Amino acid sequence: MKVAVYHSNSDIKIEEHPVPEIKDGEILVRMKSSGICGTDVMEWYRKKKAPCVLGHEMAGVIADAESGVGHFKKGDRVFVSHHVPCHSCEYCRQGKYTACEALHTGNYFPGGFAEYIKVPAENVKYGTFYLPDAVSFDEGAMIEPLGCAIAGQKRLGIREGQTVFVIGSGISGILHIQLAKMRKARVIASDINTYRLGKAVEFGADAVINAAGDSSGQLREVNNNRPADVVIVCAAAQKAAVDAFASVDRRGEILFFAAPRDDIPIPSMNLWRNEIAMMFSYGASPDDIKEAIHLTENGYVNVAGMVTHRVPLAAIMDGFRITAEANESLKVVVVPDGDIQES
């Protein structure tokens, strides 16, 4: 089978590897669509693990199944989580699934950028979900990022009539825009990319501002001279953190869905005096994934329109380049060679 072995963004080699053998409790999935995540192109983060096969946003068809896989069978359309909680540790017993060590260390093999993926028994049990017929494989590749956005907003108290300021209008930002609009909030979005600002409006933002300037001042201009009740940071630049602290109202909330590589200077006196709640979010639980599938299947969140580029596995470096440049693109998905016309 073909696999894409990552060395760097500009050095991804297509190699022939044996199709993984599976045992009881495991399934073999033929990849049909696998999304390129923004973290996949963060070389400082990925190169230390190279060479490796990346890809953690994968949907496909079960090509083979052994005994002990419950109701799953060959031919089923599925979405598979790359990380799953163990459901037995202290964190899981408290419902803190994304703190589970297994969720941070487990994975399927070799990765989503391969023609076939072996799904371990734990991932079959806790992280494999039927993909409804109404959900395309490309939409299936968006389930993991949507699940993560759902998990993040569960930490917030977004209510009707509140102002939510989304900093960064890439994939994560636009998912948060759509989820906040579901809660009938007023949403203002920022970015330095005019294409993405246009997309933010297309997907429901009530107003947009260019983050290259004074974000907090522009925010007040379009929000009745008020800061935001909730700020969601979806950009990893240091300025995004600075803008967040300057743009949140008293007793407001800041969610760092993305965070800068370097530590953030915290204006602790201001946060204390104004009773600002600050939190971070990482990953998604199985319940978040189930909700993501439900919202996608029923059209509550438009993920299909966010897929702007499809590349065959053999041309995966083109996909990495498009994702890293982040010009006129949102989501790039990788599909098997020969499947480029399907979705």
Foldseek 3Di string as FASTA:
>chain_A
DWAWWDQALQDTDTDDDDQDDDDALKFKWFWFKFWDDLVNRPCVPPNVVPRAGETFLTWGFTCQHDHPLPPDGGGFTKTWGFFAAPCPDPCNVVVNRVVHPRRVPGGWPRYNLGRMIMDHNSRSVFGIDGQDPLAFRNNSSCLFLLLQLLQQCVVDDQAAAFEEEEEDQFPNSLSNQLVSVVRNYAYEYEEQAVLSLVVSVVSPHPYYDYLVDLLQVVCCVVVVNAAGQEYEYPDADLSSVVSRLSRHAQLHEYEDADYHPDDHDDPVVSCVVRVYHYYYTDTHHSVSSVVSSVCSSVVSGDPVVQADEEEESVVVSVVSVCSVVVHNHHMYMYGHPPCRVGD
